[in-house]
Amino acid sequence: MFEIVGRLRCPICSKPVQPDEKVFLDIINTVVHQKCYYKALRRLPIQDEGSFQKMLLKYPFFNEEDGNDCM
């Protein structure tokens, strides 16, 4: 269902984001571990926060197809 699980990586630490981890979603929809966010030199404003699982269920763009389908 959510093919992104295990493949999406935190842009700061480069470790895969797990469903039970606390994350921030910034204004350009980047998912960052909460523990890593404050280590970044440049921080974008936070749009949402919570577990990655919550983000997966709340935002439909995490479950979109790859976009290569022809109509």
PDB file of N, CA and C in Angstrom:
ATOM      1  N   MET A   1       0.821  -1.196   0.000  1.00  0.00           N
ATOM      2  CA  MET A   1       0.000   0.000   0.000  1.00  0.00           C
ATOM      3  C   MET A   1       0.864   1.258   0.000  1.00  0.00           C
ATOM      4  N   PHE A   2       1.708   1.426   0.999  1.00  0.00           N
ATOM      5  CA  PHE A   2       2.590   2.588   1.042  1.00  0.00           C
ATOM      6  C   PHE A   2       3.994   2.139   0.660  1.00  0.00           C
ATOM      7  N   GLU A   3       4.304   2.195  -0.616  1.00  0.00           N
ATOM      8  CA  GLU A   3       5.602   1.734  -1.099  1.00  0.00           C
ATOM      9  C   GLU A   3       6.751   2.619  -0.631  1.00  0.00           C
ATOM     10  N   ILE A   4       6.434   3.780  -0.109  1.00  0.00           N
ATOM     11  CA  ILE A   4       7.451   4.722   0.326  1.00  0.00           C
ATOM     12  C   ILE A   4       8.102   4.306   1.650  1.00  0.00           C
ATOM     13  N   VAL A   5       7.415   3.484   2.429  1.00  0.00           N
ATOM     14  CA  VAL A   5       7.940   3.055   3.734  1.00  0.00           C
ATOM     15  C   VAL A   5       9.228   2.256   3.519  1.00  0.00           C
ATOM     16  N   GLY A   6      10.258   2.663   4.225  1.00  0.00           N
ATOM     17  CA  GLY A   6      11.557   2.004   4.101  1.00  0.00           C
ATOM     18  C   GLY A   6      12.423   2.589   2.999  1.00  0.00           C
ATOM     19  N   ARG A   7      11.840   3.409   2.129  1.00  0.00           N
ATOM     20  CA  ARG A   7      12.600   4.020   1.028  1.00  0.00           C
ATOM     21  C   ARG A   7      12.833   5.506   1.237  1.00  0.00           C
ATOM     22  N   LEU A   8      11.918   6.162   1.952  1.00  0.00           N
ATOM     23  CA  LEU A   8      12.062   7.592   2.207  1.00  0.00           C
ATOM     24  C   LEU A   8      13.120   7.805   3.276  1.00  0.00           C
ATOM     25  N   ARG A   9      14.078   8.689   3.008  1.00  0.00           N
ATOM     26  CA  ARG A   9      15.171   8.936   3.944  1.00  0.00           C
ATOM     27  C   ARG A   9      15.133  10.383   4.434  1.00  0.00           C
ATOM     28  N   CYS A  10      15.521  10.561   5.660  1.00  0.00           N
ATOM     29  CA  CYS A  10      15.656  11.891   6.253  1.00  0.00           C
ATOM     30  C   CYS A  10      16.772  12.616   5.494  1.00  0.00           C
ATOM     31  N   PRO A  11      16.529  13.844   5.050  1.00  0.00           N
ATOM     32  CA  PRO A  11      17.566  14.557   4.294  1.00  0.00           C
ATOM     33  C   PRO A  11      18.762  14.987   5.135  1.00  0.00           C
ATOM     34  N   ILE A  12      18.663  14.892   6.438  1.00  0.00           N
ATOM     35  CA  ILE A  12      19.758  15.331   7.304  1.00  0.00           C
ATOM     36  C   ILE A  12      20.657  14.160   7.704  1.00  0.00           C
ATOM     37  N   CYS A  13      20.071  13.073   8.202  1.00  0.00           N
ATOM     38  CA  CYS A  13      20.881  11.935   8.647  1.00  0.00           C
ATOM     39  C   CYS A  13      20.980  10.821   7.600  1.00  0.00           C
ATOM     40  N   SER A  14      20.155  10.868   6.578  1.00  0.00           N
ATOM     41  CA  SER A  14      20.121   9.888   5.478  1.00  0.00           C
ATOM     42  C   SER A  14      19.637   8.503   5.891  1.00  0.00           C
ATOM     43  N   LYS A  15      19.070   8.371   7.078  1.00  0.00           N
ATOM     44  CA  LYS A  15      18.522   7.082   7.513  1.00  0.00           C
ATOM     45  C   LYS A  15      17.067   6.974   7.084  1.00  0.00           C
ATOM     46  N   PRO A  16      16.615   5.764   6.751  1.00  0.00           N
ATOM     47  CA  PRO A  16      15.203   5.590   6.366  1.00  0.00           C
ATOM     48  C   PRO A  16      14.266   6.005   7.500  1.00  0.00           C
ATOM     49  N   VAL A  17      13.162   6.630   7.129  1.00  0.00           N
ATOM     50  CA  VAL A  17      12.161   7.054   8.106  1.00  0.00           C
ATOM     51  C   VAL A  17      11.201   5.894   8.340  1.00  0.00           C
ATOM     52  N   GLN A  18      11.059   5.483   9.593  1.00  0.00           N
ATOM     53  CA  GLN A  18      10.188   4.373   9.965  1.00  0.00           C
ATOM     54  C   GLN A  18       8.821   4.912  10.395  1.00  0.00           C
ATOM     55  N   PRO A  19       7.762   4.122  10.198  1.00  0.00           N
ATOM     56  CA  PRO A  19       6.403   4.587  10.504  1.00  0.00           C
ATOM     57  C   PRO A  19       6.194   5.092  11.932  1.00  0.00           C
ATOM     58  N   ASP A  20       6.899   4.533  12.896  1.00  0.00           N
ATOM     59  CA  ASP A  20       6.680   4.922  14.292  1.00  0.00           C
ATOM     60  C   ASP A  20       7.533   6.109  14.744  1.00  0.00           C
ATOM     61  N   GLU A  21       8.380   6.639  13.870  1.00  0.00           N
ATOM     62  CA  GLU A  21       9.261   7.739  14.252  1.00  0.00           C
ATOM     63  C   GLU A  21       8.544   9.084  14.160  1.00  0.00           C
ATOM     64  N   LYS A  22       8.910   9.995  15.057  1.00  0.00           N
ATOM     65  CA  LYS A  22       8.360  11.344  15.069  1.00  0.00           C
ATOM     66  C   LYS A  22       9.062  12.170  13.995  1.00  0.00           C
ATOM     67  N   VAL A  23       8.267  12.847  13.181  1.00  0.00           N
ATOM     68  CA  VAL A  23       8.806  13.629  12.081  1.00  0.00           C
ATOM     69  C   VAL A  23       8.142  14.997  11.999  1.00  0.00           C
ATOM     70  N   PHE A  24       8.789  15.887  11.269  1.00  0.00           N
ATOM     71  CA  PHE A  24       8.207  17.157  10.869  1.00  0.00           C
ATOM     72  C   PHE A  24       7.978  17.089   9.364  1.00  0.00           C
ATOM     73  N   LEU A  25       6.914  17.712   8.911  1.00  0.00           N
ATOM     74  CA  LEU A  25       6.652  17.895   7.488  1.00  0.00           C
ATOM     75  C   LEU A  25       6.769  19.393   7.253  1.00  0.00           C
ATOM     76  N   ASP A  26       7.727  19.813   6.428  1.00  0.00           N
ATOM     77  CA  ASP A  26       7.897  21.249   6.235  1.00  0.00           C
ATOM     78  C   ASP A  26       7.002  21.763   5.100  1.00  0.00           C
ATOM     79  N   ILE A  27       7.113  23.048   4.807  1.00  0.00           N
ATOM     80  CA  ILE A  27       6.186  23.666   3.854  1.00  0.00           C
ATOM     81  C   ILE A  27       6.375  23.201   2.414  1.00  0.00           C
ATOM     82  N   ILE A  28       7.470  22.520   2.119  1.00  0.00           N
ATOM     83  CA  ILE A  28       7.633  21.948   0.778  1.00  0.00           C
ATOM     84  C   ILE A  28       7.496  20.422   0.823  1.00  0.00           C
ATOM     85  N   ASN A  29       6.823  19.936   1.864  1.00  0.00           N
ATOM     86  CA  ASN A  29       6.498  18.511   2.042  1.00  0.00           C
ATOM     87  C   ASN A  29       7.713  17.604   2.193  1.00  0.00           C
ATOM     88  N   THR A  30       8.762  18.122   2.783  1.00  0.00           N
ATOM     89  CA  THR A  30       9.929  17.308   3.106  1.00  0.00           C
ATOM     90  C   THR A  30       9.719  16.706   4.487  1.00  0.00           C
ATOM     91  N   VAL A  31       9.947  15.413   4.600  1.00  0.00           N
ATOM     92  CA  VAL A  31       9.821  14.713   5.879  1.00  0.00           C
ATOM     93  C   VAL A  31      11.198  14.653   6.525  1.00  0.00           C
ATOM     94  N   VAL A  32      11.281  15.156   7.763  1.00  0.00           N
ATOM     95  CA  VAL A  32      12.544  15.204   8.502  1.00  0.00           C
ATOM     96  C   VAL A  32      12.309  14.647   9.898  1.00  0.00           C
ATOM     97  N   HIS A  33      13.225  13.786  10.363  1.00  0.00           N
ATOM     98  CA  HIS A  33      13.145  13.328  11.752  1.00  0.00           C
ATOM     99  C   HIS A  33      13.113  14.549  12.670  1.00  0.00           C
ATOM    100  N   GLN A  34      12.275  14.517  13.694  1.00  0.00           N
ATOM    101  CA  GLN A  34      12.247  15.627  14.643  1.00  0.00           C
ATOM    102  C   GLN A  34      13.594  15.798  15.328  1.00  0.00           C
ATOM    103  N   LYS A  35      14.271  14.692  15.619  1.00  0.00           N
ATOM    104  CA  LYS A  35      15.565  14.772  16.297  1.00  0.00           C
ATOM    105  C   LYS A  35      16.664  15.350  15.398  1.00  0.00           C
ATOM    106  N   CYS A  36      16.457  15.341  14.096  1.00  0.00           N
ATOM    107  CA  CYS A  36      17.448  15.861  13.151  1.00  0.00           C
ATOM    108  C   CYS A  36      17.167  17.302  12.716  1.00  0.00           C
ATOM    109  N   TYR A  37      15.936  17.721  12.812  1.00  0.00           N
ATOM    110  CA  TYR A  37      15.506  19.016  12.285  1.00  0.00           C
ATOM    111  C   TYR A  37      16.371  20.173  12.788  1.00  0.00           C
ATOM    112  N   TYR A  38      16.679  20.179  14.061  1.00  0.00           N
ATOM    113  CA  TYR A  38      17.417  21.295  14.643  1.00  0.00           C
ATOM    114  C   TYR A  38      18.917  21.247  14.361  1.00  0.00           C
ATOM    115  N   LYS A  39      19.373  20.147  13.762  1.00  0.00           N
ATOM    116  CA  LYS A  39      20.780  20.036  13.366  1.00  0.00           C
ATOM    117  C   LYS A  39      21.029  20.698  12.010  1.00  0.00           C
ATOM    118  N   ALA A  40      19.975  20.938  11.254  1.00  0.00           N
ATOM    119  CA  ALA A  40      20.095  21.503   9.906  1.00  0.00           C
ATOM    120  C   ALA A  40      20.512  22.965   9.973  1.00  0.00           C
ATOM    121  N   LEU A  41      21.317  23.380   9.018  1.00  0.00           N
ATOM    122  CA  LEU A  41      21.740  24.770   8.954  1.00  0.00           C
ATOM    123  C   LEU A  41      20.594  25.669   8.506  1.00  0.00           C
ATOM    124  N   ARG A  42      19.803  25.169   7.566  1.00  0.00           N
ATOM    125  CA  ARG A  42      18.649  25.920   7.075  1.00  0.00           C
ATOM    126  C   ARG A  42      17.398  25.114   7.367  1.00  0.00           C
ATOM    127  N   ARG A  43      16.467  25.758   8.034  1.00  0.00           N
ATOM    128  CA  ARG A  43      15.226  25.081   8.405  1.00  0.00           C
ATOM    129  C   ARG A  43      14.044  25.818   7.789  1.00  0.00           C
ATOM    130  N   LEU A  44      13.234  25.076   7.065  1.00  0.00           N
ATOM    131  CA  LEU A  44      12.004  25.638   6.526  1.00  0.00           C
ATOM    132  C   LEU A  44      10.915  25.566   7.592  1.00  0.00           C
ATOM    133  N   PRO A  45       9.927  26.430   7.501  1.00  0.00           N
ATOM    134  CA  PRO A  45       8.829  26.382   8.472  1.00  0.00           C
ATOM    135  C   PRO A  45       8.117  25.023   8.461  1.00  0.00           C
ATOM    136  N   ILE A  46       7.671  24.610   9.631  1.00  0.00           N
ATOM    137  CA  ILE A  46       7.005  23.323   9.797  1.00  0.00           C
ATOM    138  C   ILE A  46       5.519  23.462   9.489  1.00  0.00           C
ATOM    139  N   GLN A  47       5.027  22.538   8.670  1.00  0.00           N
ATOM    140  CA  GLN A  47       3.620  22.500   8.301  1.00  0.00           C
ATOM    141  C   GLN A  47       2.833  21.567   9.214  1.00  0.00           C
ATOM    142  N   ASP A  48       3.457  20.448   9.607  1.00  0.00           N
ATOM    143  CA  ASP A  48       2.783  19.456  10.440  1.00  0.00           C
ATOM    144  C   ASP A  48       3.834  18.653  11.195  1.00  0.00           C
ATOM    145  N   GLU A  49       3.408  17.973  12.248  1.00  0.00           N
ATOM    146  CA  GLU A  49       4.315  17.131  13.014  1.00  0.00           C
ATOM    147  C   GLU A  49       3.560  15.941  13.582  1.00  0.00           C
ATOM    148  N   GLY A  50       4.302  14.876  13.851  1.00  0.00           N
ATOM    149  CA  GLY A  50       3.714  13.666  14.413  1.00  0.00           C
ATOM    150  C   GLY A  50       4.473  12.459  13.909  1.00  0.00           C
ATOM    151  N   SER A  51       3.877  11.292  14.060  1.00  0.00           N
ATOM    152  CA  SER A  51       4.537  10.078  13.582  1.00  0.00           C
ATOM    153  C   SER A  51       4.461  10.033  12.053  1.00  0.00           C
ATOM    154  N   PHE A  52       5.418   9.350  11.463  1.00  0.00           N
ATOM    155  CA  PHE A  52       5.416   9.208  10.010  1.00  0.00           C
ATOM    156  C   PHE A  52       4.162   8.474   9.552  1.00  0.00           C
ATOM    157  N   GLN A  53       3.705   7.515  10.351  1.00  0.00           N
ATOM    158  CA  GLN A  53       2.478   6.781  10.030  1.00  0.00           C
ATOM    159  C   GLN A  53       1.294   7.747   9.934  1.00  0.00           C
ATOM    160  N   LYS A  54       1.210   8.702  10.840  1.00  0.00           N
ATOM    161  CA  LYS A  54       0.149   9.705  10.805  1.00  0.00           C
ATOM    162  C   LYS A  54       0.212  10.506   9.505  1.00  0.00           C
ATOM    163  N   MET A  55       1.418  10.861   9.090  1.00  0.00           N
ATOM    164  CA  MET A  55       1.587  11.621   7.844  1.00  0.00           C
ATOM    165  C   MET A  55       1.157  10.797   6.635  1.00  0.00           C
ATOM    166  N   LEU A  56       1.499   9.505   6.648  1.00  0.00           N
ATOM    167  CA  LEU A  56       1.118   8.632   5.542  1.00  0.00           C
ATOM    168  C   LEU A  56      -0.398   8.565   5.378  1.00  0.00           C
ATOM    169  N   LEU A  57      -1.097   8.512   6.488  1.00  0.00           N
ATOM    170  CA  LEU A  57      -2.558   8.415   6.447  1.00  0.00           C
ATOM    171  C   LEU A  57      -3.223   9.762   6.159  1.00  0.00           C
ATOM    172  N   LYS A  58      -2.603  10.826   6.583  1.00  0.00           N
ATOM    173  CA  LYS A  58      -3.203  12.157   6.460  1.00  0.00           C
ATOM    174  C   LYS A  58      -3.023  12.784   5.080  1.00  0.00           C
ATOM    175  N   TYR A  59      -1.874  12.558   4.451  1.00  0.00           N
ATOM    176  CA  TYR A  59      -1.558  13.224   3.189  1.00  0.00           C
ATOM    177  C   TYR A  59      -1.576  12.226   2.028  1.00  0.00           C
ATOM    178  N   PRO A  60      -2.489  12.410   1.085  1.00  0.00           N
ATOM    179  CA  PRO A  60      -2.637  11.444  -0.013  1.00  0.00           C
ATOM    180  C   PRO A  60      -1.441  11.376  -0.966  1.00  0.00           C
ATOM    181  N   PHE A  61      -0.612  12.406  -1.021  1.00  0.00           N
ATOM    182  CA  PHE A  61       0.503  12.375  -1.964  1.00  0.00           C
ATOM    183  C   PHE A  61       1.550  11.322  -1.612  1.00  0.00           C
ATOM    184  N   PHE A  62       1.534  10.785  -0.406  1.00  0.00           N
ATOM    185  CA  PHE A  62       2.460   9.704  -0.053  1.00  0.00           C
ATOM    186  C   PHE A  62       2.045   8.378  -0.677  1.00  0.00           C
ATOM    187  N   ASN A  63       0.816   8.249  -1.111  1.00  0.00           N
ATOM    188  CA  ASN A  63       0.307   6.991  -1.656  1.00  0.00           C
ATOM    189  C   ASN A  63      -0.013   7.088  -3.144  1.00  0.00           C
ATOM    190  N   GLU A  64       0.426   8.142  -3.821  1.00  0.00           N
ATOM    191  CA  GLU A  64       0.152   8.290  -5.242  1.00  0.00           C
ATOM    192  C   GLU A  64       0.959   7.290  -6.046  1.00  0.00           C
ATOM    193  N   GLU A  65       0.420   6.962  -7.196  1.00  0.00           N
ATOM    194  CA  GLU A  65       1.142   6.100  -8.133  1.00  0.00           C
ATOM    195  C   GLU A  65       2.356   6.842  -8.643  1.00  0.00           C
ATOM    196  N   ASP A  66       3.244   6.153  -9.347  1.00  0.00           N
ATOM    197  CA  ASP A  66       4.479   6.770  -9.807  1.00  0.00           C
ATOM    198  C   ASP A  66       4.287   7.803 -10.908  1.00  0.00           C
ATOM    199  N   GLY A  67       3.093   7.891 -11.483  1.00  0.00           N
ATOM    200  CA  GLY A  67       2.822   8.912 -12.476  1.00  0.00           C
ATOM    201  C   GLY A  67       3.225   8.524 -13.884  1.00  0.00           C
ATOM    202  N   ASN A  68       3.689   7.300 -14.087  1.00  0.00           N
ATOM    203  CA  ASN A  68       4.113   6.857 -15.406  1.00  0.00           C
ATOM    204  C   ASN A  68       2.993   6.188 -16.189  1.00  0.00           C
ATOM    205  N   ASP A  69       1.807   6.143 -15.630  1.00  0.00           N
ATOM    206  CA  ASP A  69       0.692   5.515 -16.325  1.00  0.00           C
ATOM    207  C   ASP A  69       0.165   6.428 -17.431  1.00  0.00           C
ATOM    208  N   CYS A  70      -0.139   5.833 -18.550  1.00  0.00           N
ATOM    209  CA  CYS A  70      -0.720   6.594 -19.662  1.00  0.00           C
ATOM    210  C   CYS A  70      -2.229   6.517 -19.575  1.00  0.00           C
ATOM    211  N   MET A  71      -2.887   7.573 -19.983  1.00  0.00           N
ATOM    212  CA  MET A  71      -4.354   7.594 -19.949  1.00  0.00           C
ATOM    213  C   MET A  71      -4.921   7.101 -21.250  1.00  0.00           C
TER     214      MET A  71
END
